[in-house]
Amino acid sequence: MTQIVQGLGAYTALNLDGGGSTTLVMSKNNKPKLLNAPIHTKLPMRERPVANQLGFYADYADGL
């Protein structure tokens, strides 16, 4: 992982657990869109009740 991150030009990185409680969401037309299939009680698409988050906001320039 270190080699991949350094190869991308980063000097600081954070590795987070990617287990069944991980949910990846993006905003599309100001509405949340689920990008992965979280699993809870062995049922795909059933999200776990996790009380924390790490969010990022990116403001893209026109044309990208």
Protein backbone atom coordinates (compact mmCIF):
# COMPACT_ATOMS: atom_id res chain seq x y z
CA MET A 1 0.00 0.00 0.00
CA THR A 2 2.85 2.35 0.82
CA GLN A 3 4.37 1.92 -2.64
CA ILE A 4 1.04 2.58 -4.35
CA VAL A 5 0.39 5.74 -2.34
CA GLN A 6 3.91 7.04 -2.84
CA GLY A 7 3.70 6.22 -6.55
CA LEU A 8 0.62 8.44 -6.74
CA GLY A 9 2.64 11.30 -5.25
CA ALA A 10 1.16 11.28 -1.75
CA TYR A 11 3.29 11.85 1.33
CA THR A 12 0.53 11.18 3.88
CA ALA A 13 -2.11 8.44 3.72
CA LEU A 14 -4.75 6.83 5.89
CA ASN A 15 -5.81 3.20 5.54
CA LEU A 16 -9.39 2.59 6.71
CA ASP A 17 -11.18 -0.69 7.37
CA GLY A 18 -13.01 -1.77 4.23
CA GLY A 19 -15.25 -4.32 5.93
CA GLY A 20 -19.00 -4.79 5.76
CA SER A 21 -19.68 -1.55 7.61
CA THR A 22 -18.04 0.50 4.86
CA THR A 23 -20.45 2.47 2.70
CA LEU A 24 -19.35 4.51 -0.31
CA VAL A 25 -21.75 7.27 -1.34
CA MET A 26 -21.57 10.19 -3.75
CA SER A 27 -23.90 13.07 -4.44
CA LYS A 28 -25.60 13.10 -7.83
CA ASN A 29 -28.09 15.87 -8.59
CA ASN A 30 -27.96 16.78 -4.87
CA LYS A 31 -29.17 13.28 -3.93
CA PRO A 32 -27.08 10.51 -2.32
CA LYS A 33 -26.11 7.62 -4.60
CA LEU A 34 -24.82 4.39 -3.07
CA LEU A 35 -21.72 3.13 -4.93
CA ASN A 36 -21.08 -0.18 -3.19
CA ALA A 37 -23.01 -3.02 -1.55
CA PRO A 38 -22.61 -2.88 2.25
CA ILE A 39 -23.53 -6.08 4.10
CA HIS A 40 -25.27 -6.39 7.48
CA THR A 41 -26.62 -9.65 8.93
CA LYS A 42 -25.43 -11.39 5.73
CA LEU A 43 -27.89 -9.36 3.60
CA PRO A 44 -26.33 -7.32 0.78
CA MET A 45 -27.42 -3.68 0.55
CA ARG A 46 -28.45 -3.64 4.22
CA GLU A 47 -26.38 -0.93 5.88
CA ARG A 48 -24.92 -1.36 9.35
CA PRO A 49 -25.84 1.24 11.97
CA VAL A 50 -22.38 2.82 12.36
CA ALA A 51 -22.16 6.09 14.29
CA ASN A 52 -19.19 7.70 12.55
CA GLN A 53 -18.15 8.85 9.10
CA LEU A 54 -15.36 10.37 7.10
CA GLY A 55 -16.56 12.66 4.35
CA PHE A 56 -14.87 14.59 1.58
CA TYR A 57 -16.18 17.37 -0.62
CA ALA A 58 -14.68 18.12 -4.01
CA ASP A 59 -15.67 21.14 -6.07
CA TYR A 60 -14.94 20.32 -9.70
CA ALA A 61 -14.32 22.98 -12.30
CA ASP A 62 -16.54 23.05 -15.38
CA GLY A 63 -15.47 20.68 -18.12
CA LEU A 64 -14.11 17.93 -15.90
